[in-house]
Amino acid sequence: MSRGKFITLEGGEGVGKTTNLAFIKKYLQDHGIDVIVTREPGGTQLAEKIRQLLLDSSSESISESAELLLMFAARAQHIKHVIEPALSEGKWVLCDRFTDATYAYQGGGRNMSINTIEWLENLVQGTLRPDLTLLLDAPVEIGFGRVRTRGELDRFESERVDFFERVRQAYLRQTALYPARIKLINANQPLTDVQNSLVDVLRPLIK
């Protein structure tokens, strides 16, 4: 049995990840691919509890180092119990955010050491990397405006605009570093055009 493919969907707040995650899942299933959808932080019972800690804006202040370590603790569980078993069974894994988000949010947003993130990435993931990463990109004020209409904000959504500007620039740096893996999708266009762009990138992977 051939190993499955690992696809990650990335982007800042309000770029349409939820809608397009559902679209990608259906597109893959329509082409006969057995795909599981998961998310980070989260994906397992323990990792979801860590997610709650990370997103809770009412809890004690989380230090930047604790935030980074919690992200990778959740990721370690996720890889061991969900991602690797599924890939080994030949299933495709579609994940809402993965380590590129850590480079963007903790590396860019929090200005944390990229070398530290790389060290943790190698420790926790070994050789595991996504086969394809789809980065939905839109100007921060566009995504920020969408998030503001959702109601109560989580701990990350409550950050200031300059935080999200740093996140976006860090995502774009990742794209420049790994152009073969990370494909930039303009999310500031009609949904039909966004999804046509996604299909253009996914089609070669299916073939």
N, C-alpha and C. Protein backbone atom coordinates (compact mmCIF):
# COMPACT_ATOMS: atom_id res chain seq x y z
N MET A 1 0.84 -1.20 0.00
CA MET A 1 0.00 0.00 0.00
C MET A 1 0.88 1.26 0.00
N SER A 2 0.58 2.16 -0.93
CA SER A 2 1.38 3.38 -1.01
C SER A 2 0.98 4.34 0.10
N ARG A 3 1.95 5.11 0.53
CA ARG A 3 1.72 6.07 1.60
C ARG A 3 0.81 7.19 1.11
N GLY A 4 -0.04 7.70 2.01
CA GLY A 4 -0.93 8.79 1.66
C GLY A 4 -0.20 10.11 1.52
N LYS A 5 -0.90 11.11 1.07
CA LYS A 5 -0.36 12.46 0.93
C LYS A 5 -0.79 13.33 2.12
N PHE A 6 0.07 14.24 2.49
CA PHE A 6 -0.17 15.15 3.61
C PHE A 6 -0.30 16.57 3.08
N ILE A 7 -1.52 17.12 3.15
CA ILE A 7 -1.80 18.47 2.65
C ILE A 7 -2.16 19.37 3.83
N THR A 8 -1.56 20.55 3.89
CA THR A 8 -1.90 21.50 4.94
C THR A 8 -2.47 22.77 4.33
N LEU A 9 -3.40 23.37 5.06
CA LEU A 9 -4.01 24.63 4.64
C LEU A 9 -3.64 25.69 5.67
N GLU A 10 -3.04 26.77 5.19
CA GLU A 10 -2.54 27.80 6.08
C GLU A 10 -3.14 29.17 5.74
N GLY A 11 -2.98 30.09 6.66
CA GLY A 11 -3.42 31.46 6.43
C GLY A 11 -3.75 32.15 7.73
N GLY A 12 -3.79 33.45 7.69
CA GLY A 12 -4.11 34.25 8.87
C GLY A 12 -5.59 34.20 9.19
N GLU A 13 -6.01 35.12 10.03
CA GLU A 13 -7.41 35.14 10.46
C GLU A 13 -8.31 35.67 9.33
N GLY A 14 -9.46 35.04 9.16
CA GLY A 14 -10.48 35.55 8.26
C GLY A 14 -10.20 35.40 6.77
N VAL A 15 -9.32 34.46 6.40
CA VAL A 15 -8.99 34.28 4.97
C VAL A 15 -9.86 33.22 4.28
N GLY A 16 -10.75 32.58 5.05
CA GLY A 16 -11.65 31.60 4.44
C GLY A 16 -11.19 30.16 4.53
N LYS A 17 -10.40 29.84 5.53
CA LYS A 17 -9.90 28.47 5.64
C LYS A 17 -11.01 27.44 5.83
N THR A 18 -11.97 27.74 6.68
CA THR A 18 -13.03 26.76 6.97
C THR A 18 -13.82 26.39 5.71
N THR A 19 -14.23 27.41 4.95
CA THR A 19 -14.99 27.19 3.72
C THR A 19 -14.17 26.39 2.71
N ASN A 20 -12.91 26.74 2.55
CA ASN A 20 -12.09 26.10 1.54
C ASN A 20 -11.58 24.73 1.98
N LEU A 21 -11.48 24.51 3.28
CA LEU A 21 -11.15 23.18 3.77
C LEU A 21 -12.23 22.19 3.34
N ALA A 22 -13.49 22.59 3.50
CA ALA A 22 -14.62 21.74 3.10
C ALA A 22 -14.60 21.51 1.58
N PHE A 23 -14.26 22.56 0.84
CA PHE A 23 -14.19 22.43 -0.63
C PHE A 23 -13.11 21.44 -1.05
N ILE A 24 -11.92 21.56 -0.44
CA ILE A 24 -10.81 20.65 -0.78
C ILE A 24 -11.16 19.21 -0.42
N LYS A 25 -11.76 19.01 0.73
CA LYS A 25 -12.17 17.66 1.13
C LYS A 25 -13.10 17.04 0.10
N LYS A 26 -14.11 17.79 -0.32
CA LYS A 26 -15.06 17.28 -1.30
C LYS A 26 -14.38 17.01 -2.64
N TYR A 27 -13.50 17.91 -3.05
CA TYR A 27 -12.79 17.74 -4.32
C TYR A 27 -11.98 16.44 -4.32
N LEU A 28 -11.28 16.18 -3.22
CA LEU A 28 -10.48 14.96 -3.12
C LEU A 28 -11.37 13.72 -3.10
N GLN A 29 -12.44 13.78 -2.32
CA GLN A 29 -13.36 12.65 -2.25
C GLN A 29 -14.01 12.37 -3.59
N ASP A 30 -14.33 13.42 -4.33
CA ASP A 30 -14.93 13.26 -5.66
C ASP A 30 -13.98 12.57 -6.64
N HIS A 31 -12.69 12.61 -6.32
CA HIS A 31 -11.68 11.93 -7.15
C HIS A 31 -11.25 10.59 -6.53
N GLY A 32 -12.10 10.09 -5.63
CA GLY A 32 -11.88 8.74 -5.10
C GLY A 32 -10.80 8.63 -4.05
N ILE A 33 -10.43 9.74 -3.44
CA ILE A 33 -9.36 9.72 -2.44
C ILE A 33 -9.96 9.61 -1.04
N ASP A 34 -9.41 8.69 -0.26
CA ASP A 34 -9.81 8.51 1.14
C ASP A 34 -9.06 9.55 1.96
N VAL A 35 -9.78 10.57 2.43
CA VAL A 35 -9.12 11.70 3.11
C VAL A 35 -9.71 11.92 4.50
N ILE A 36 -8.85 12.22 5.45
CA ILE A 36 -9.32 12.63 6.78
C ILE A 36 -8.96 14.10 6.96
N VAL A 37 -9.84 14.83 7.65
CA VAL A 37 -9.63 16.25 7.91
C VAL A 37 -9.36 16.43 9.40
N THR A 38 -8.32 17.19 9.71
CA THR A 38 -7.96 17.41 11.10
C THR A 38 -7.46 18.85 11.26
N ARG A 39 -7.03 19.22 12.46
CA ARG A 39 -6.64 20.61 12.67
C ARG A 39 -5.56 20.73 13.73
N GLU A 40 -4.89 21.89 13.72
CA GLU A 40 -3.91 22.21 14.75
C GLU A 40 -4.14 23.62 15.30
N PRO A 41 -3.87 23.81 16.60
CA PRO A 41 -3.60 22.73 17.55
C PRO A 41 -4.87 21.92 17.76
N GLY A 42 -4.73 20.62 17.97
CA GLY A 42 -5.88 19.76 18.16
C GLY A 42 -5.70 18.43 17.44
N GLY A 43 -6.82 17.78 17.19
CA GLY A 43 -6.79 16.53 16.43
C GLY A 43 -6.87 15.27 17.27
N THR A 44 -6.49 15.36 18.54
CA THR A 44 -6.64 14.23 19.47
C THR A 44 -7.28 14.78 20.74
N GLN A 45 -7.70 13.87 21.62
CA GLN A 45 -8.36 14.31 22.85
C GLN A 45 -7.45 15.22 23.69
N LEU A 46 -6.20 14.80 23.86
CA LEU A 46 -5.27 15.60 24.63
C LEU A 46 -4.92 16.90 23.92
N ALA A 47 -4.67 16.80 22.61
CA ALA A 47 -4.29 17.99 21.84
C ALA A 47 -5.42 19.02 21.82
N GLU A 48 -6.67 18.57 21.83
CA GLU A 48 -7.80 19.50 21.88
C GLU A 48 -7.87 20.23 23.22
N LYS A 49 -7.48 19.53 24.29
CA LYS A 49 -7.43 20.19 25.61
C LYS A 49 -6.34 21.26 25.61
N ILE A 50 -5.22 20.96 24.97
CA ILE A 50 -4.15 21.96 24.86
C ILE A 50 -4.64 23.15 24.04
N ARG A 51 -5.39 22.86 22.98
CA ARG A 51 -5.96 23.94 22.15
C ARG A 51 -6.81 24.89 23.00
N GLN A 52 -7.64 24.31 23.87
CA GLN A 52 -8.49 25.13 24.73
C GLN A 52 -7.65 26.05 25.61
N LEU A 53 -6.56 25.52 26.15
CA LEU A 53 -5.66 26.33 26.97
C LEU A 53 -5.07 27.48 26.16
N LEU A 54 -4.65 27.17 24.94
CA LEU A 54 -3.99 28.17 24.10
C LEU A 54 -4.93 29.28 23.63
N LEU A 55 -6.20 28.95 23.41
CA LEU A 55 -7.14 29.92 22.86
C LEU A 55 -7.93 30.69 23.92
N ASP A 56 -7.90 30.21 25.16
CA ASP A 56 -8.69 30.82 26.23
C ASP A 56 -8.13 32.19 26.60
N SER A 57 -8.87 33.22 26.30
CA SER A 57 -8.39 34.58 26.57
C SER A 57 -8.60 34.99 28.03
N SER A 58 -9.34 34.17 28.80
CA SER A 58 -9.63 34.54 30.18
C SER A 58 -8.70 33.89 31.19
N SER A 59 -7.83 32.97 30.73
CA SER A 59 -6.94 32.28 31.66
C SER A 59 -5.72 33.14 31.97
N GLU A 60 -4.82 32.62 32.80
CA GLU A 60 -3.61 33.37 33.12
C GLU A 60 -2.79 33.63 31.87
N SER A 61 -1.99 34.64 31.91
CA SER A 61 -1.14 34.98 30.78
C SER A 61 -0.17 33.83 30.47
N ILE A 62 -0.11 33.44 29.20
CA ILE A 62 0.77 32.35 28.79
C ILE A 62 2.08 32.94 28.27
N SER A 63 3.19 32.51 28.82
CA SER A 63 4.48 33.02 28.34
C SER A 63 4.72 32.54 26.91
N GLU A 64 5.54 33.28 26.19
CA GLU A 64 5.80 32.92 24.79
C GLU A 64 6.44 31.54 24.68
N SER A 65 7.35 31.22 25.60
CA SER A 65 7.99 29.90 25.56
C SER A 65 6.99 28.79 25.84
N ALA A 66 6.09 29.03 26.81
CA ALA A 66 5.06 28.03 27.12
C ALA A 66 4.13 27.83 25.92
N GLU A 67 3.78 28.94 25.26
CA GLU A 67 2.91 28.85 24.08
C GLU A 67 3.55 27.99 22.99
N LEU A 68 4.82 28.23 22.72
CA LEU A 68 5.53 27.48 21.68
C LEU A 68 5.61 25.99 22.04
N LEU A 69 5.95 25.70 23.30
CA LEU A 69 6.08 24.31 23.73
C LEU A 69 4.73 23.59 23.72
N LEU A 70 3.67 24.30 24.10
CA LEU A 70 2.34 23.70 24.04
C LEU A 70 1.94 23.37 22.60
N MET A 71 2.27 24.24 21.68
CA MET A 71 1.98 23.97 20.27
C MET A 71 2.64 22.67 19.82
N PHE A 72 3.90 22.51 20.17
CA PHE A 72 4.61 21.31 19.73
C PHE A 72 4.21 20.08 20.53
N ALA A 73 3.79 20.26 21.79
CA ALA A 73 3.28 19.13 22.57
C ALA A 73 2.01 18.58 21.91
N ALA A 74 1.11 19.49 21.53
CA ALA A 74 -0.11 19.07 20.84
C ALA A 74 0.23 18.42 19.51
N ARG A 75 1.21 18.97 18.81
CA ARG A 75 1.62 18.43 17.49
C ARG A 75 2.20 17.02 17.63
N ALA A 76 2.98 16.79 18.67
CA ALA A 76 3.56 15.46 18.88
C ALA A 76 2.47 14.40 19.03
N GLN A 77 1.43 14.73 19.81
CA GLN A 77 0.30 13.82 19.99
C GLN A 77 -0.44 13.60 18.67
N HIS A 78 -0.65 14.68 17.95
CA HIS A 78 -1.37 14.68 16.69
C HIS A 78 -0.68 13.78 15.66
N ILE A 79 0.63 13.95 15.56
CA ILE A 79 1.40 13.14 14.59
C ILE A 79 1.35 11.67 14.95
N LYS A 80 1.57 11.36 16.23
CA LYS A 80 1.63 9.96 16.66
C LYS A 80 0.30 9.24 16.52
N HIS A 81 -0.78 9.91 16.89
CA HIS A 81 -2.07 9.23 16.99
C HIS A 81 -3.00 9.43 15.80
N VAL A 82 -2.75 10.43 14.97
CA VAL A 82 -3.65 10.70 13.85
C VAL A 82 -2.92 10.73 12.50
N ILE A 83 -1.95 11.63 12.37
CA ILE A 83 -1.37 11.89 11.06
C ILE A 83 -0.58 10.69 10.53
N GLU A 84 0.39 10.21 11.30
CA GLU A 84 1.22 9.10 10.83
C GLU A 84 0.41 7.82 10.59
N PRO A 85 -0.48 7.42 11.51
CA PRO A 85 -1.28 6.21 11.25
C PRO A 85 -2.09 6.31 9.96
N ALA A 86 -2.70 7.47 9.72
CA ALA A 86 -3.52 7.64 8.51
C ALA A 86 -2.65 7.57 7.25
N LEU A 87 -1.52 8.27 7.25
CA LEU A 87 -0.63 8.24 6.08
C LEU A 87 -0.12 6.83 5.81
N SER A 88 0.19 6.10 6.87
CA SER A 88 0.69 4.73 6.74
C SER A 88 -0.36 3.81 6.14
N GLU A 89 -1.64 4.11 6.40
CA GLU A 89 -2.75 3.32 5.86
C GLU A 89 -3.11 3.73 4.44
N GLY A 90 -2.38 4.68 3.88
CA GLY A 90 -2.64 5.13 2.51
C GLY A 90 -3.68 6.23 2.41
N LYS A 91 -4.16 6.72 3.55
CA LYS A 91 -5.13 7.81 3.53
C LYS A 91 -4.42 9.14 3.33
N TRP A 92 -5.14 10.08 2.75
CA TRP A 92 -4.62 11.44 2.64
C TRP A 92 -5.06 12.21 3.88
N VAL A 93 -4.19 13.07 4.37
CA VAL A 93 -4.49 13.88 5.55
C VAL A 93 -4.55 15.35 5.12
N LEU A 94 -5.68 15.98 5.41
CA LEU A 94 -5.87 17.40 5.13
C LEU A 94 -5.95 18.12 6.48
N CYS A 95 -4.97 18.95 6.75
CA CYS A 95 -4.84 19.55 8.08
C CYS A 95 -4.98 21.07 8.04
N ASP A 96 -5.88 21.58 8.88
CA ASP A 96 -6.07 23.02 9.05
C ASP A 96 -4.94 23.54 9.93
N ARG A 97 -3.93 24.09 9.29
CA ARG A 97 -2.71 24.59 9.92
C ARG A 97 -1.78 23.46 10.39
N PHE A 98 -0.47 23.78 10.32
CA PHE A 98 0.57 22.86 10.80
C PHE A 98 1.77 23.73 11.18
N THR A 99 2.97 23.27 10.97
CA THR A 99 4.14 23.96 11.51
C THR A 99 4.42 25.31 10.85
N ASP A 100 3.99 25.50 9.61
CA ASP A 100 4.16 26.83 9.01
C ASP A 100 3.44 27.88 9.85
N ALA A 101 2.34 27.49 10.49
CA ALA A 101 1.62 28.42 11.38
C ALA A 101 2.46 28.79 12.59
N THR A 102 3.28 27.86 13.07
CA THR A 102 4.16 28.15 14.20
C THR A 102 5.24 29.16 13.79
N TYR A 103 5.80 28.98 12.60
CA TYR A 103 6.76 29.97 12.10
C TYR A 103 6.09 31.34 11.95
N ALA A 104 4.81 31.33 11.55
CA ALA A 104 4.11 32.60 11.32
C ALA A 104 3.67 33.25 12.64
N TYR A 105 2.99 32.50 13.49
CA TYR A 105 2.41 33.09 14.71
C TYR A 105 3.44 33.25 15.84
N GLN A 106 4.21 32.21 16.09
CA GLN A 106 5.21 32.33 17.17
C GLN A 106 6.50 32.98 16.65
N GLY A 107 6.95 32.58 15.46
CA GLY A 107 8.15 33.18 14.89
C GLY A 107 7.94 34.62 14.46
N GLY A 108 6.88 34.86 13.67
CA GLY A 108 6.60 36.20 13.18
C GLY A 108 5.86 37.04 14.19
N GLY A 109 4.68 36.58 14.58
CA GLY A 109 3.84 37.35 15.49
C GLY A 109 4.49 37.62 16.82
N ARG A 110 5.12 36.60 17.42
CA ARG A 110 5.74 36.75 18.74
C ARG A 110 7.24 37.10 18.67
N ASN A 111 7.80 37.14 17.47
CA ASN A 111 9.23 37.43 17.29
C ASN A 111 10.12 36.41 18.02
N MET A 112 9.71 35.15 18.01
CA MET A 112 10.51 34.12 18.67
C MET A 112 11.59 33.59 17.74
N SER A 113 12.59 32.94 18.31
CA SER A 113 13.75 32.46 17.56
C SER A 113 13.36 31.40 16.53
N ILE A 114 13.69 31.66 15.27
CA ILE A 114 13.43 30.69 14.21
C ILE A 114 14.27 29.43 14.43
N ASN A 115 15.48 29.60 14.95
CA ASN A 115 16.33 28.44 15.21
C ASN A 115 15.70 27.51 16.25
N THR A 116 15.06 28.09 17.26
CA THR A 116 14.39 27.28 18.28
C THR A 116 13.22 26.52 17.67
N ILE A 117 12.45 27.20 16.82
CA ILE A 117 11.32 26.54 16.16
C ILE A 117 11.82 25.41 15.26
N GLU A 118 12.88 25.64 14.52
CA GLU A 118 13.46 24.60 13.65
C GLU A 118 13.90 23.39 14.47
N TRP A 119 14.52 23.66 15.62
CA TRP A 119 15.00 22.56 16.47
C TRP A 119 13.82 21.72 16.95
N LEU A 120 12.76 22.38 17.40
CA LEU A 120 11.57 21.67 17.86
C LEU A 120 10.88 20.93 16.72
N GLU A 121 10.87 21.54 15.56
CA GLU A 121 10.28 20.90 14.37
C GLU A 121 10.98 19.57 14.08
N ASN A 122 12.30 19.59 14.10
CA ASN A 122 13.06 18.36 13.82
C ASN A 122 12.88 17.33 14.94
N LEU A 123 12.84 17.81 16.18
CA LEU A 123 12.66 16.90 17.32
C LEU A 123 11.31 16.19 17.25
N VAL A 124 10.25 16.95 17.01
CA VAL A 124 8.90 16.40 17.08
C VAL A 124 8.49 15.68 15.79
N GLN A 125 8.92 16.19 14.65
CA GLN A 125 8.44 15.66 13.38
C GLN A 125 9.38 14.68 12.69
N GLY A 126 10.66 14.69 13.07
CA GLY A 126 11.61 13.86 12.32
C GLY A 126 11.65 14.33 10.88
N THR A 127 11.36 13.43 9.94
CA THR A 127 11.39 13.78 8.51
C THR A 127 10.01 14.18 7.97
N LEU A 128 8.99 14.13 8.82
CA LEU A 128 7.64 14.43 8.34
C LEU A 128 7.49 15.89 7.95
N ARG A 129 7.11 16.11 6.69
CA ARG A 129 6.79 17.44 6.19
C ARG A 129 5.58 17.31 5.27
N PRO A 130 4.77 18.33 5.12
CA PRO A 130 3.64 18.25 4.19
C PRO A 130 4.12 18.01 2.75
N ASP A 131 3.32 17.29 1.99
CA ASP A 131 3.60 17.14 0.55
C ASP A 131 3.20 18.41 -0.19
N LEU A 132 2.19 19.09 0.33
CA LEU A 132 1.70 20.32 -0.29
C LEU A 132 1.10 21.21 0.79
N THR A 133 1.41 22.49 0.72
CA THR A 133 0.82 23.48 1.63
C THR A 133 0.15 24.55 0.79
N LEU A 134 -1.12 24.81 1.09
CA LEU A 134 -1.89 25.84 0.40
C LEU A 134 -2.02 27.03 1.35
N LEU A 135 -1.45 28.16 0.97
CA LEU A 135 -1.47 29.35 1.81
C LEU A 135 -2.49 30.34 1.26
N LEU A 136 -3.59 30.51 1.99
CA LEU A 136 -4.60 31.51 1.63
C LEU A 136 -4.13 32.87 2.16
N ASP A 137 -3.94 33.79 1.24
CA ASP A 137 -3.37 35.09 1.63
C ASP A 137 -4.30 36.23 1.26
N ALA A 138 -4.50 37.14 2.21
CA ALA A 138 -5.28 38.36 1.97
C ALA A 138 -4.71 39.46 2.84
N PRO A 139 -4.90 40.72 2.44
CA PRO A 139 -4.45 41.82 3.29
C PRO A 139 -5.04 41.69 4.69
N VAL A 140 -4.25 42.05 5.69
CA VAL A 140 -4.66 41.87 7.08
C VAL A 140 -5.98 42.57 7.39
N GLU A 141 -6.17 43.78 6.85
CA GLU A 141 -7.40 44.51 7.19
C GLU A 141 -8.65 43.79 6.66
N ILE A 142 -8.51 43.04 5.56
CA ILE A 142 -9.64 42.28 5.01
C ILE A 142 -10.02 41.15 5.97
N GLY A 143 -9.03 40.33 6.34
CA GLY A 143 -9.29 39.21 7.25
C GLY A 143 -9.73 39.70 8.62
N PHE A 144 -9.10 40.78 9.07
CA PHE A 144 -9.41 41.34 10.39
C PHE A 144 -10.87 41.78 10.45
N GLY A 145 -11.34 42.38 9.36
CA GLY A 145 -12.72 42.84 9.30
C GLY A 145 -13.71 41.69 9.39
N ARG A 146 -13.37 40.56 8.75
CA ARG A 146 -14.23 39.38 8.80
C ARG A 146 -14.28 38.80 10.21
N VAL A 147 -13.12 38.74 10.86
CA VAL A 147 -13.05 38.16 12.21
C VAL A 147 -13.87 38.98 13.20
N ARG A 148 -13.85 40.28 13.03
CA ARG A 148 -14.54 41.17 13.97
C ARG A 148 -16.06 40.94 13.98
N THR A 149 -16.60 40.34 12.92
CA THR A 149 -18.04 40.11 12.84
C THR A 149 -18.46 38.79 13.50
N ARG A 150 -17.51 38.00 13.97
CA ARG A 150 -17.81 36.66 14.48
C ARG A 150 -18.33 36.66 15.93
N GLY A 151 -18.15 37.74 16.63
CA GLY A 151 -18.55 37.76 18.03
C GLY A 151 -17.34 37.67 18.94
N GLU A 152 -17.41 36.82 19.94
CA GLU A 152 -16.33 36.73 20.93
C GLU A 152 -15.03 36.25 20.28
N LEU A 153 -13.94 36.91 20.62
CA LEU A 153 -12.64 36.60 20.02
C LEU A 153 -11.81 35.73 20.96
N ASP A 154 -11.03 34.81 20.38
CA ASP A 154 -10.13 34.00 21.20
C ASP A 154 -8.83 34.77 21.47
N ARG A 155 -7.90 34.13 22.16
CA ARG A 155 -6.69 34.82 22.62
C ARG A 155 -5.85 35.36 21.46
N PHE A 156 -5.78 34.60 20.36
CA PHE A 156 -5.00 35.06 19.21
C PHE A 156 -5.75 36.13 18.42
N GLU A 157 -7.05 35.93 18.24
CA GLU A 157 -7.84 36.90 17.49
C GLU A 157 -7.88 38.27 18.16
N SER A 158 -7.59 38.29 19.46
CA SER A 158 -7.62 39.55 20.22
C SER A 158 -6.33 40.36 20.07
N GLU A 159 -5.35 39.83 19.35
CA GLU A 159 -4.09 40.57 19.16
C GLU A 159 -4.32 41.81 18.29
N ARG A 160 -3.35 42.70 18.32
CA ARG A 160 -3.45 43.94 17.56
C ARG A 160 -3.07 43.70 16.09
N VAL A 161 -3.41 44.68 15.26
CA VAL A 161 -3.19 44.55 13.82
C VAL A 161 -1.72 44.30 13.49
N ASP A 162 -0.79 44.95 14.19
CA ASP A 162 0.62 44.78 13.87
C ASP A 162 1.09 43.33 14.09
N PHE A 163 0.47 42.64 15.04
CA PHE A 163 0.78 41.23 15.25
C PHE A 163 0.45 40.43 13.98
N PHE A 164 -0.73 40.69 13.42
CA PHE A 164 -1.16 39.95 12.24
C PHE A 164 -0.39 40.35 10.99
N GLU A 165 0.10 41.58 10.96
CA GLU A 165 0.98 41.99 9.85
C GLU A 165 2.27 41.16 9.89
N ARG A 166 2.82 40.96 11.10
CA ARG A 166 4.04 40.15 11.23
C ARG A 166 3.77 38.68 10.87
N VAL A 167 2.58 38.20 11.25
CA VAL A 167 2.19 36.83 10.90
C VAL A 167 2.15 36.68 9.38
N ARG A 168 1.50 37.63 8.71
CA ARG A 168 1.39 37.54 7.25
C ARG A 168 2.76 37.57 6.59
N GLN A 169 3.63 38.47 7.03
CA GLN A 169 4.96 38.56 6.43
C GLN A 169 5.77 37.28 6.67
N ALA A 170 5.59 36.67 7.83
CA ALA A 170 6.29 35.41 8.12
C ALA A 170 5.79 34.29 7.21
N TYR A 171 4.49 34.25 6.97
CA TYR A 171 3.93 33.27 6.02
C TYR A 171 4.53 33.47 4.63
N LEU A 172 4.64 34.71 4.21
CA LEU A 172 5.19 34.99 2.88
C LEU A 172 6.67 34.62 2.80
N ARG A 173 7.39 34.78 3.92
CA ARG A 173 8.80 34.35 3.94
C ARG A 173 8.90 32.83 3.80
N GLN A 174 8.00 32.11 4.47
CA GLN A 174 7.98 30.64 4.34
C GLN A 174 7.74 30.23 2.89
N THR A 175 6.83 30.96 2.22
CA THR A 175 6.53 30.67 0.82
C THR A 175 7.76 30.88 -0.05
N ALA A 176 8.51 31.93 0.22
CA ALA A 176 9.72 32.20 -0.55
C ALA A 176 10.80 31.14 -0.30
N LEU A 177 10.83 30.62 0.93
CA LEU A 177 11.83 29.60 1.27
C LEU A 177 11.49 28.24 0.67
N TYR A 178 10.20 27.92 0.56
CA TYR A 178 9.79 26.59 0.10
C TYR A 178 8.77 26.68 -1.04
N PRO A 179 9.18 27.27 -2.16
CA PRO A 179 8.23 27.50 -3.26
C PRO A 179 7.69 26.21 -3.89
N ALA A 180 8.43 25.12 -3.81
CA ALA A 180 7.95 23.86 -4.39
C ALA A 180 6.82 23.26 -3.56
N ARG A 181 6.84 23.52 -2.26
CA ARG A 181 5.82 22.94 -1.36
C ARG A 181 4.67 23.88 -1.08
N ILE A 182 4.96 25.16 -0.85
CA ILE A 182 3.93 26.12 -0.44
C ILE A 182 3.43 26.90 -1.65
N LYS A 183 2.13 26.79 -1.90
CA LYS A 183 1.52 27.49 -3.03
C LYS A 183 0.63 28.62 -2.51
N LEU A 184 0.92 29.81 -2.99
CA LEU A 184 0.21 31.01 -2.54
C LEU A 184 -1.10 31.16 -3.31
N ILE A 185 -2.20 31.28 -2.57
CA ILE A 185 -3.52 31.45 -3.16
C ILE A 185 -4.07 32.81 -2.74
N ASN A 186 -4.41 33.64 -3.70
CA ASN A 186 -4.97 34.96 -3.40
C ASN A 186 -6.39 34.78 -2.87
N ALA A 187 -6.57 34.99 -1.57
CA ALA A 187 -7.89 34.82 -0.95
C ALA A 187 -8.74 36.08 -1.02
N ASN A 188 -8.17 37.14 -1.56
CA ASN A 188 -8.91 38.41 -1.68
C ASN A 188 -9.49 38.53 -3.09
N GLN A 189 -10.22 37.51 -3.50
CA GLN A 189 -10.90 37.50 -4.79
C GLN A 189 -12.18 36.67 -4.62
N PRO A 190 -13.08 36.69 -5.58
CA PRO A 190 -14.32 35.91 -5.44
C PRO A 190 -14.04 34.45 -5.11
N LEU A 191 -14.92 33.86 -4.30
CA LEU A 191 -14.72 32.49 -3.83
C LEU A 191 -14.51 31.51 -4.99
N THR A 192 -15.26 31.69 -6.07
CA THR A 192 -15.11 30.80 -7.23
C THR A 192 -13.69 30.84 -7.77
N ASP A 193 -13.10 32.03 -7.81
CA ASP A 193 -11.73 32.17 -8.31
C ASP A 193 -10.72 31.54 -7.34
N VAL A 194 -10.97 31.72 -6.04
CA VAL A 194 -10.11 31.09 -5.03
C VAL A 194 -10.12 29.58 -5.24
N GLN A 195 -11.30 29.01 -5.40
CA GLN A 195 -11.42 27.56 -5.50
C GLN A 195 -10.89 27.02 -6.83
N ASN A 196 -11.00 27.81 -7.89
CA ASN A 196 -10.36 27.43 -9.16
C ASN A 196 -8.84 27.38 -8.99
N SER A 197 -8.30 28.32 -8.23
CA SER A 197 -6.85 28.34 -7.98
C SER A 197 -6.44 27.12 -7.16
N LEU A 198 -7.27 26.73 -6.19
CA LEU A 198 -6.98 25.54 -5.39
C LEU A 198 -6.96 24.29 -6.26
N VAL A 199 -7.93 24.18 -7.15
CA VAL A 199 -7.99 23.02 -8.05
C VAL A 199 -6.76 22.95 -8.94
N ASP A 200 -6.32 24.11 -9.44
CA ASP A 200 -5.13 24.14 -10.31
C ASP A 200 -3.90 23.56 -9.61
N VAL A 201 -3.82 23.79 -8.29
CA VAL A 201 -2.67 23.30 -7.52
C VAL A 201 -2.86 21.84 -7.12
N LEU A 202 -4.10 21.45 -6.82
CA LEU A 202 -4.36 20.08 -6.36
C LEU A 202 -4.31 19.06 -7.50
N ARG A 203 -4.71 19.47 -8.69
CA ARG A 203 -4.82 18.54 -9.82
C ARG A 203 -3.54 17.74 -10.08
N PRO A 204 -2.37 18.39 -10.15
CA PRO A 204 -1.14 17.61 -10.40
C PRO A 204 -0.83 16.59 -9.29
N LEU A 205 -1.20 16.90 -8.06
CA LEU A 205 -0.92 16.00 -6.95
C LEU A 205 -1.76 14.73 -7.08
N ILE A 206 -2.99 14.89 -7.57
CA ILE A 206 -3.88 13.74 -7.75
C ILE A 206 -3.39 12.85 -8.89
N LYS A 207 -2.91 13.46 -9.94
CA LYS A 207 -2.42 12.67 -11.09
C LYS A 207 -1.14 11.91 -10.73
